[in-house]
N, C-alpha and C. Protein backbone atom coordinates (compact mmCIF):
# COMPACT_ATOMS: atom_id res chain seq x y z
N MET A 1 17.71 15.61 5.38
CA MET A 1 18.55 14.97 6.36
C MET A 1 18.53 13.47 6.12
N SER A 2 19.68 12.87 6.04
CA SER A 2 19.80 11.44 5.80
C SER A 2 19.80 10.68 7.13
N HIS A 3 19.06 9.60 7.14
CA HIS A 3 18.99 8.76 8.33
C HIS A 3 19.79 7.50 8.09
N PRO A 4 20.38 6.93 9.14
CA PRO A 4 21.09 5.66 8.95
C PRO A 4 20.12 4.55 8.58
N THR A 5 20.64 3.55 7.89
CA THR A 5 19.83 2.39 7.54
C THR A 5 19.46 1.63 8.81
N LEU A 6 18.21 1.30 8.90
CA LEU A 6 17.71 0.59 10.08
C LEU A 6 17.73 -0.92 9.84
N PRO A 7 18.05 -1.70 10.88
CA PRO A 7 17.98 -3.16 10.75
C PRO A 7 16.52 -3.61 10.86
N LEU A 8 15.90 -3.81 9.72
CA LEU A 8 14.47 -4.12 9.67
C LEU A 8 14.25 -5.61 9.47
N GLU A 9 13.13 -6.09 9.99
CA GLU A 9 12.67 -7.45 9.75
C GLU A 9 11.29 -7.36 9.11
N PHE A 10 11.06 -8.17 8.09
CA PHE A 10 9.78 -8.21 7.41
C PHE A 10 9.11 -9.54 7.71
N HIS A 11 7.86 -9.49 8.20
CA HIS A 11 7.15 -10.69 8.62
C HIS A 11 5.81 -10.80 7.90
N GLU A 12 5.54 -12.00 7.37
CA GLU A 12 4.21 -12.27 6.84
C GLU A 12 3.24 -12.34 8.01
N LEU A 13 2.02 -11.94 7.75
CA LEU A 13 1.01 -11.94 8.80
C LEU A 13 0.76 -13.35 9.33
N SER A 14 0.60 -13.42 10.63
CA SER A 14 0.17 -14.65 11.30
C SER A 14 -0.85 -14.23 12.35
N SER A 15 -1.54 -15.20 12.90
CA SER A 15 -2.54 -14.84 13.91
C SER A 15 -1.90 -14.15 15.11
N SER A 16 -0.66 -14.48 15.43
CA SER A 16 0.01 -13.82 16.55
C SER A 16 0.37 -12.37 16.24
N LEU A 17 0.46 -12.02 14.96
CA LEU A 17 0.78 -10.64 14.58
C LEU A 17 -0.48 -9.79 14.33
N LEU A 18 -1.63 -10.43 14.35
CA LEU A 18 -2.88 -9.70 14.08
C LEU A 18 -3.08 -8.50 15.00
N PRO A 19 -2.80 -8.58 16.30
CA PRO A 19 -2.94 -7.38 17.14
C PRO A 19 -2.04 -6.22 16.68
N HIS A 20 -0.86 -6.54 16.16
CA HIS A 20 0.03 -5.48 15.66
C HIS A 20 -0.54 -4.85 14.39
N LEU A 21 -1.12 -5.67 13.51
CA LEU A 21 -1.76 -5.15 12.31
C LEU A 21 -2.92 -4.24 12.68
N ARG A 22 -3.74 -4.67 13.60
CA ARG A 22 -4.88 -3.85 14.04
C ARG A 22 -4.39 -2.51 14.59
N SER A 23 -3.35 -2.55 15.40
CA SER A 23 -2.81 -1.32 15.99
C SER A 23 -2.26 -0.39 14.91
N LEU A 24 -1.48 -0.93 13.99
CA LEU A 24 -0.95 -0.10 12.90
C LEU A 24 -2.08 0.52 12.08
N ASN A 25 -3.09 -0.27 11.75
CA ASN A 25 -4.20 0.25 10.95
C ASN A 25 -4.93 1.38 11.68
N ARG A 26 -5.12 1.23 12.99
CA ARG A 26 -5.78 2.30 13.77
C ARG A 26 -4.98 3.60 13.72
N ILE A 27 -3.67 3.48 13.80
CA ILE A 27 -2.80 4.66 13.83
C ILE A 27 -2.64 5.28 12.44
N LEU A 28 -2.47 4.43 11.43
CA LEU A 28 -2.05 4.92 10.11
C LEU A 28 -3.18 5.35 9.19
N PHE A 29 -4.36 4.77 9.34
CA PHE A 29 -5.40 4.99 8.33
C PHE A 29 -6.66 5.56 8.95
N PRO A 30 -7.35 6.43 8.22
CA PRO A 30 -8.51 7.15 8.78
C PRO A 30 -9.82 6.38 8.74
N VAL A 31 -9.74 5.08 8.53
CA VAL A 31 -10.95 4.27 8.46
C VAL A 31 -10.84 3.12 9.45
N LYS A 32 -11.99 2.61 9.87
CA LYS A 32 -12.01 1.43 10.71
C LYS A 32 -12.21 0.23 9.80
N PHE A 33 -11.29 -0.71 9.88
CA PHE A 33 -11.36 -1.89 9.03
C PHE A 33 -12.29 -2.92 9.66
N PRO A 34 -13.19 -3.49 8.86
CA PRO A 34 -14.11 -4.50 9.40
C PRO A 34 -13.40 -5.82 9.64
N GLU A 35 -14.04 -6.67 10.40
CA GLU A 35 -13.45 -7.98 10.71
C GLU A 35 -13.20 -8.78 9.44
N SER A 36 -14.03 -8.59 8.42
CA SER A 36 -13.84 -9.31 7.16
C SER A 36 -12.49 -8.95 6.51
N TYR A 37 -12.04 -7.73 6.70
CA TYR A 37 -10.73 -7.31 6.18
C TYR A 37 -9.62 -8.15 6.82
N TYR A 38 -9.67 -8.28 8.14
CA TYR A 38 -8.65 -9.03 8.86
C TYR A 38 -8.72 -10.52 8.51
N ASN A 39 -9.92 -11.04 8.31
CA ASN A 39 -10.06 -12.44 7.89
C ASN A 39 -9.44 -12.65 6.51
N ALA A 40 -9.63 -11.69 5.61
CA ALA A 40 -9.03 -11.78 4.27
C ALA A 40 -7.50 -11.73 4.37
N CYS A 41 -7.00 -10.89 5.26
CA CYS A 41 -5.54 -10.81 5.45
C CYS A 41 -5.00 -12.15 5.94
N LEU A 42 -5.68 -12.75 6.91
CA LEU A 42 -5.22 -14.03 7.45
C LEU A 42 -5.34 -15.16 6.43
N ALA A 43 -6.30 -15.04 5.51
CA ALA A 43 -6.48 -16.06 4.49
C ALA A 43 -5.33 -16.05 3.47
N ASN A 44 -4.67 -14.91 3.31
CA ASN A 44 -3.54 -14.78 2.39
C ASN A 44 -2.40 -14.07 3.11
N PRO A 45 -1.79 -14.71 4.09
CA PRO A 45 -0.83 -14.02 4.95
C PRO A 45 0.43 -13.55 4.23
N ASP A 46 0.77 -14.17 3.08
CA ASP A 46 1.96 -13.73 2.36
C ASP A 46 1.70 -12.43 1.60
N ASN A 47 0.46 -11.95 1.59
CA ASN A 47 0.12 -10.67 0.95
C ASN A 47 -0.05 -9.55 1.96
N CYS A 48 0.28 -9.82 3.21
CA CYS A 48 0.21 -8.80 4.25
C CYS A 48 1.52 -8.88 5.04
N ILE A 49 2.37 -7.90 4.84
CA ILE A 49 3.71 -7.91 5.40
C ILE A 49 3.85 -6.77 6.40
N LEU A 50 4.31 -7.11 7.60
CA LEU A 50 4.58 -6.11 8.63
C LEU A 50 6.09 -5.94 8.76
N VAL A 51 6.51 -4.71 8.99
CA VAL A 51 7.93 -4.45 9.17
C VAL A 51 8.19 -4.13 10.63
N CYS A 52 9.25 -4.73 11.16
CA CYS A 52 9.59 -4.63 12.56
C CYS A 52 10.98 -4.02 12.72
N TYR A 53 11.12 -3.15 13.69
CA TYR A 53 12.40 -2.55 14.05
C TYR A 53 12.55 -2.66 15.56
N HIS A 54 13.54 -3.39 16.01
CA HIS A 54 13.79 -3.57 17.44
C HIS A 54 12.52 -3.96 18.20
N ASP A 55 11.86 -5.01 17.74
CA ASP A 55 10.67 -5.56 18.40
C ASP A 55 9.46 -4.62 18.38
N ARG A 56 9.47 -3.61 17.52
CA ARG A 56 8.32 -2.72 17.38
C ARG A 56 7.87 -2.76 15.92
N TYR A 57 6.59 -3.02 15.72
CA TYR A 57 6.05 -3.04 14.37
C TYR A 57 5.76 -1.60 13.94
N ILE A 58 6.39 -1.22 12.81
CA ILE A 58 6.38 0.20 12.42
C ILE A 58 5.75 0.45 11.05
N GLY A 59 5.38 -0.61 10.33
CA GLY A 59 4.80 -0.40 9.01
C GLY A 59 4.16 -1.66 8.48
N VAL A 60 3.38 -1.47 7.41
CA VAL A 60 2.65 -2.58 6.82
C VAL A 60 2.37 -2.33 5.35
N VAL A 61 2.34 -3.39 4.58
CA VAL A 61 1.79 -3.37 3.22
C VAL A 61 0.84 -4.55 3.12
N HIS A 62 -0.33 -4.29 2.54
CA HIS A 62 -1.31 -5.35 2.27
C HIS A 62 -1.75 -5.19 0.83
N PHE A 63 -1.74 -6.29 0.09
CA PHE A 63 -2.12 -6.24 -1.32
C PHE A 63 -2.88 -7.50 -1.68
N THR A 64 -3.62 -7.42 -2.77
CA THR A 64 -4.43 -8.52 -3.25
C THR A 64 -3.96 -8.90 -4.65
N MET A 65 -3.64 -10.18 -4.82
CA MET A 65 -3.24 -10.69 -6.13
C MET A 65 -4.50 -11.10 -6.89
N LEU A 66 -4.79 -10.40 -7.96
CA LEU A 66 -5.93 -10.71 -8.81
C LEU A 66 -5.43 -11.46 -10.04
N GLU A 67 -6.34 -11.92 -10.86
CA GLU A 67 -5.93 -12.70 -12.03
C GLU A 67 -4.99 -11.93 -12.95
N ASP A 68 -5.33 -10.66 -13.22
CA ASP A 68 -4.52 -9.89 -14.16
C ASP A 68 -3.98 -8.58 -13.56
N ALA A 69 -4.05 -8.45 -12.24
CA ALA A 69 -3.59 -7.21 -11.61
C ALA A 69 -3.25 -7.48 -10.15
N VAL A 70 -2.58 -6.50 -9.57
CA VAL A 70 -2.32 -6.49 -8.14
C VAL A 70 -2.94 -5.21 -7.59
N TYR A 71 -3.76 -5.35 -6.57
CA TYR A 71 -4.37 -4.18 -5.94
C TYR A 71 -3.71 -3.96 -4.59
N ILE A 72 -3.17 -2.77 -4.38
CA ILE A 72 -2.55 -2.44 -3.10
C ILE A 72 -3.63 -1.87 -2.20
N ASN A 73 -3.92 -2.59 -1.12
CA ASN A 73 -4.93 -2.16 -0.16
C ASN A 73 -4.38 -1.07 0.74
N THR A 74 -3.19 -1.31 1.31
CA THR A 74 -2.61 -0.33 2.22
C THR A 74 -1.08 -0.38 2.15
N VAL A 75 -0.48 0.76 2.34
CA VAL A 75 0.95 0.89 2.62
C VAL A 75 1.05 1.99 3.66
N GLY A 76 1.73 1.72 4.77
CA GLY A 76 1.86 2.75 5.77
C GLY A 76 3.05 2.50 6.68
N VAL A 77 3.63 3.61 7.14
CA VAL A 77 4.77 3.58 8.06
C VAL A 77 4.49 4.61 9.15
N LEU A 78 4.76 4.26 10.39
CA LEU A 78 4.57 5.20 11.49
C LEU A 78 5.37 6.48 11.23
N ALA A 79 4.79 7.61 11.60
CA ALA A 79 5.35 8.92 11.26
C ALA A 79 6.82 9.07 11.67
N SER A 80 7.18 8.59 12.82
CA SER A 80 8.56 8.78 13.29
C SER A 80 9.59 7.95 12.53
N TYR A 81 9.13 7.06 11.65
CA TYR A 81 10.04 6.23 10.86
C TYR A 81 9.97 6.55 9.37
N ARG A 82 9.27 7.58 9.00
CA ARG A 82 9.15 7.95 7.59
C ARG A 82 10.42 8.65 7.11
N GLU A 83 10.53 8.80 5.81
CA GLU A 83 11.68 9.45 5.17
C GLU A 83 12.95 8.62 5.33
N ARG A 84 12.81 7.31 5.50
CA ARG A 84 13.95 6.42 5.65
C ARG A 84 13.93 5.30 4.61
N GLY A 85 13.00 5.39 3.65
CA GLY A 85 12.93 4.39 2.60
C GLY A 85 12.13 3.14 2.97
N ILE A 86 11.52 3.13 4.15
CA ILE A 86 10.79 1.94 4.58
C ILE A 86 9.54 1.74 3.74
N GLY A 87 8.81 2.81 3.47
CA GLY A 87 7.61 2.70 2.64
C GLY A 87 7.95 2.21 1.24
N THR A 88 9.06 2.69 0.70
CA THR A 88 9.49 2.26 -0.62
C THR A 88 9.83 0.77 -0.60
N GLN A 89 10.47 0.31 0.47
CA GLN A 89 10.77 -1.12 0.58
C GLN A 89 9.48 -1.93 0.65
N LEU A 90 8.51 -1.45 1.43
CA LEU A 90 7.23 -2.14 1.52
C LEU A 90 6.53 -2.17 0.16
N LEU A 91 6.52 -1.05 -0.54
CA LEU A 91 5.91 -0.98 -1.86
C LEU A 91 6.58 -1.93 -2.84
N GLY A 92 7.86 -2.14 -2.65
CA GLY A 92 8.61 -3.04 -3.53
C GLY A 92 8.16 -4.49 -3.45
N ILE A 93 7.53 -4.86 -2.34
CA ILE A 93 7.09 -6.25 -2.19
C ILE A 93 6.01 -6.62 -3.21
N PRO A 94 4.88 -5.89 -3.27
CA PRO A 94 3.91 -6.25 -4.31
C PRO A 94 4.43 -6.01 -5.72
N ILE A 95 5.26 -5.01 -5.90
CA ILE A 95 5.83 -4.76 -7.23
C ILE A 95 6.67 -5.96 -7.66
N SER A 96 7.47 -6.50 -6.74
CA SER A 96 8.33 -7.64 -7.09
C SER A 96 7.53 -8.90 -7.38
N ARG A 97 6.33 -9.00 -6.82
CA ARG A 97 5.50 -10.19 -7.02
C ARG A 97 4.52 -10.05 -8.19
N ALA A 98 4.43 -8.88 -8.76
CA ALA A 98 3.41 -8.60 -9.77
C ALA A 98 3.71 -9.24 -11.12
N GLY A 99 4.96 -9.49 -11.42
CA GLY A 99 5.29 -9.99 -12.75
C GLY A 99 4.88 -8.95 -13.78
N ASP A 100 4.12 -9.35 -14.78
CA ASP A 100 3.66 -8.43 -15.82
C ASP A 100 2.31 -7.80 -15.50
N LYS A 101 1.81 -8.06 -14.31
CA LYS A 101 0.48 -7.55 -13.95
C LYS A 101 0.53 -6.05 -13.67
N THR A 102 -0.58 -5.41 -13.94
CA THR A 102 -0.77 -4.01 -13.59
C THR A 102 -0.97 -3.89 -12.09
N ILE A 103 -0.47 -2.82 -11.52
CA ILE A 103 -0.64 -2.57 -10.09
C ILE A 103 -1.48 -1.31 -9.93
N THR A 104 -2.54 -1.39 -9.11
CA THR A 104 -3.41 -0.24 -8.89
C THR A 104 -3.64 -0.04 -7.39
N LEU A 105 -4.08 1.17 -7.08
CA LEU A 105 -4.47 1.51 -5.71
C LEU A 105 -5.28 2.79 -5.76
N HIS A 106 -5.99 3.06 -4.67
CA HIS A 106 -6.77 4.30 -4.53
C HIS A 106 -6.17 5.15 -3.42
N VAL A 107 -6.22 6.46 -3.63
CA VAL A 107 -5.76 7.43 -2.64
C VAL A 107 -6.79 8.54 -2.56
N LYS A 108 -6.99 9.09 -1.37
CA LYS A 108 -7.90 10.24 -1.24
C LYS A 108 -7.40 11.34 -2.17
N SER A 109 -8.30 11.92 -2.92
CA SER A 109 -7.92 12.90 -3.94
C SER A 109 -7.31 14.17 -3.36
N ASP A 110 -7.58 14.45 -2.10
CA ASP A 110 -7.01 15.66 -1.49
C ASP A 110 -5.72 15.38 -0.73
N ASP A 111 -5.22 14.16 -0.78
CA ASP A 111 -3.99 13.80 -0.08
C ASP A 111 -2.80 13.97 -1.03
N GLU A 112 -2.45 15.22 -1.27
CA GLU A 112 -1.44 15.56 -2.28
C GLU A 112 -0.07 14.96 -1.96
N ASP A 113 0.31 14.90 -0.69
CA ASP A 113 1.61 14.34 -0.33
C ASP A 113 1.69 12.85 -0.68
N VAL A 114 0.62 12.12 -0.42
CA VAL A 114 0.61 10.69 -0.73
C VAL A 114 0.59 10.48 -2.25
N ILE A 115 -0.19 11.26 -2.96
CA ILE A 115 -0.22 11.15 -4.42
C ILE A 115 1.17 11.44 -4.98
N ALA A 116 1.82 12.47 -4.47
CA ALA A 116 3.18 12.82 -4.93
C ALA A 116 4.17 11.69 -4.63
N TRP A 117 4.02 11.06 -3.46
CA TRP A 117 4.91 9.95 -3.08
C TRP A 117 4.78 8.81 -4.08
N TYR A 118 3.54 8.43 -4.42
CA TYR A 118 3.35 7.35 -5.39
C TYR A 118 3.79 7.77 -6.78
N THR A 119 3.53 9.00 -7.16
CA THR A 119 3.94 9.49 -8.49
C THR A 119 5.45 9.41 -8.64
N LYS A 120 6.17 9.78 -7.59
CA LYS A 120 7.64 9.71 -7.59
C LYS A 120 8.13 8.28 -7.81
N ARG A 121 7.30 7.31 -7.47
CA ARG A 121 7.67 5.91 -7.59
C ARG A 121 7.06 5.24 -8.82
N GLY A 122 6.60 6.04 -9.79
CA GLY A 122 6.17 5.50 -11.07
C GLY A 122 4.69 5.30 -11.27
N PHE A 123 3.87 5.69 -10.30
CA PHE A 123 2.43 5.57 -10.45
C PHE A 123 1.88 6.79 -11.17
N ARG A 124 0.77 6.61 -11.87
CA ARG A 124 0.12 7.70 -12.59
C ARG A 124 -1.37 7.73 -12.23
N GLN A 125 -1.91 8.93 -12.16
CA GLN A 125 -3.34 9.08 -11.91
C GLN A 125 -4.08 8.75 -13.20
N VAL A 126 -5.07 7.86 -13.08
CA VAL A 126 -5.82 7.49 -14.28
C VAL A 126 -7.30 7.77 -14.18
N GLU A 127 -7.79 8.00 -12.97
CA GLU A 127 -9.23 8.23 -12.84
C GLU A 127 -9.52 8.87 -11.49
N ARG A 128 -10.51 9.77 -11.48
CA ARG A 128 -11.01 10.33 -10.23
C ARG A 128 -12.38 9.71 -9.98
N ILE A 129 -12.62 9.27 -8.76
CA ILE A 129 -13.86 8.60 -8.42
C ILE A 129 -14.54 9.40 -7.31
N ASN A 130 -15.67 9.99 -7.66
CA ASN A 130 -16.40 10.81 -6.70
C ASN A 130 -16.95 9.97 -5.56
N ASN A 131 -16.79 10.48 -4.35
CA ASN A 131 -17.35 9.89 -3.13
C ASN A 131 -16.93 8.42 -2.93
N TYR A 132 -15.73 8.07 -3.36
CA TYR A 132 -15.23 6.71 -3.20
C TYR A 132 -15.15 6.33 -1.73
N TYR A 133 -14.65 7.26 -0.92
CA TYR A 133 -14.58 7.04 0.52
C TYR A 133 -15.84 7.65 1.14
N ARG A 134 -16.94 6.93 1.02
CA ARG A 134 -18.25 7.46 1.43
C ARG A 134 -18.28 7.88 2.90
N ARG A 135 -17.73 7.06 3.78
CA ARG A 135 -17.77 7.39 5.21
C ARG A 135 -16.95 8.62 5.54
N LEU A 136 -15.96 8.89 4.72
CA LEU A 136 -15.14 10.10 4.93
C LEU A 136 -15.66 11.28 4.11
N GLY A 137 -16.58 11.00 3.18
CA GLY A 137 -17.07 12.05 2.30
C GLY A 137 -15.98 12.55 1.35
N LYS A 138 -15.11 11.64 0.90
CA LYS A 138 -13.96 12.03 0.09
C LYS A 138 -13.97 11.32 -1.26
N ASP A 139 -13.44 12.04 -2.25
CA ASP A 139 -13.20 11.45 -3.56
C ASP A 139 -11.86 10.71 -3.51
N ALA A 140 -11.64 9.87 -4.52
CA ALA A 140 -10.37 9.15 -4.63
C ALA A 140 -9.81 9.34 -6.02
N VAL A 141 -8.53 9.12 -6.14
CA VAL A 141 -7.91 8.97 -7.45
C VAL A 141 -7.41 7.54 -7.54
N LEU A 142 -7.58 6.95 -8.70
CA LEU A 142 -7.04 5.64 -8.98
C LEU A 142 -5.65 5.85 -9.55
N LEU A 143 -4.66 5.23 -8.93
CA LEU A 143 -3.29 5.29 -9.41
C LEU A 143 -2.94 3.94 -10.00
N LYS A 144 -2.12 3.97 -11.05
CA LYS A 144 -1.80 2.75 -11.77
C LYS A 144 -0.31 2.74 -12.11
N TRP A 145 0.29 1.58 -11.99
CA TRP A 145 1.71 1.40 -12.33
C TRP A 145 1.83 0.15 -13.17
N CYS A 146 2.58 0.25 -14.24
CA CYS A 146 2.81 -0.91 -15.10
C CYS A 146 4.30 -1.15 -15.23
N ARG A 147 4.70 -2.38 -15.00
CA ARG A 147 6.11 -2.75 -15.10
C ARG A 147 6.67 -2.41 -16.48
N ASN A 148 5.89 -2.62 -17.52
CA ASN A 148 6.38 -2.46 -18.88
C ASN A 148 5.98 -1.13 -19.50
N SER A 149 5.77 -0.10 -18.68
CA SER A 149 5.28 1.17 -19.24
C SER A 149 6.24 1.72 -20.28
N GLU A 150 7.54 1.48 -20.12
CA GLU A 150 8.50 1.98 -21.10
C GLU A 150 8.41 1.23 -22.43
N LEU A 151 7.71 0.10 -22.44
CA LEU A 151 7.55 -0.69 -23.66
C LEU A 151 6.28 -0.35 -24.42
N GLY A 152 5.55 0.66 -23.95
CA GLY A 152 4.39 1.08 -24.69
C GLY A 152 3.06 0.81 -24.03
N ASN A 153 3.01 0.12 -22.91
CA ASN A 153 1.74 -0.04 -22.21
C ASN A 153 1.22 1.33 -21.81
N ARG A 154 -0.06 1.54 -21.96
CA ARG A 154 -0.65 2.84 -21.67
C ARG A 154 -1.14 2.89 -20.23
N CYS A 155 -0.25 3.13 -19.30
CA CYS A 155 -0.63 3.16 -17.89
C CYS A 155 -1.37 4.43 -17.53
N ASP A 156 -1.40 5.39 -18.43
CA ASP A 156 -2.09 6.62 -18.13
C ASP A 156 -3.54 6.59 -18.61
N GLN A 157 -3.99 5.46 -19.11
CA GLN A 157 -5.36 5.35 -19.60
C GLN A 157 -6.24 4.73 -18.53
N PRO A 158 -7.48 5.22 -18.39
CA PRO A 158 -8.39 4.63 -17.39
C PRO A 158 -8.63 3.16 -17.67
N THR A 159 -8.83 2.40 -16.58
CA THR A 159 -9.19 1.00 -16.72
C THR A 159 -10.70 0.89 -16.75
N ASN A 160 -11.20 -0.16 -17.35
CA ASN A 160 -12.64 -0.38 -17.40
C ASN A 160 -13.11 -1.21 -16.24
């Protein structure tokens, strides 16, 4: 079923938006984020983008720009707004800023729907990490995306 395009607004994190980020994280992710996480987000507000629809914050992407890579910390959209391309738009933000850098992220190894979603968007599984999510007792898979994969970069090879 196709949904109409929503008039979305994308906002960089600010201290006034921090309560919305906290609320989204509580709803979307199965972990409690420590205060240091939120401090890191505020220290680099252009790397934490919230999406708003009619004055309601409905999604978020947070990523870290490293010297030679981009690490995606979180991407999430409230359930009632999924299947409308919003997550793909959010994912496009770190991809557009990555340049030639490799993009990586971790996903719970048993979350097949999320792995399939990223795979559909060009990510590949490169490594399984036992007990990565210790508090959840879950393994993770490392997913990797390379802008130049069609030029011969080996995005399917584990990173060191």
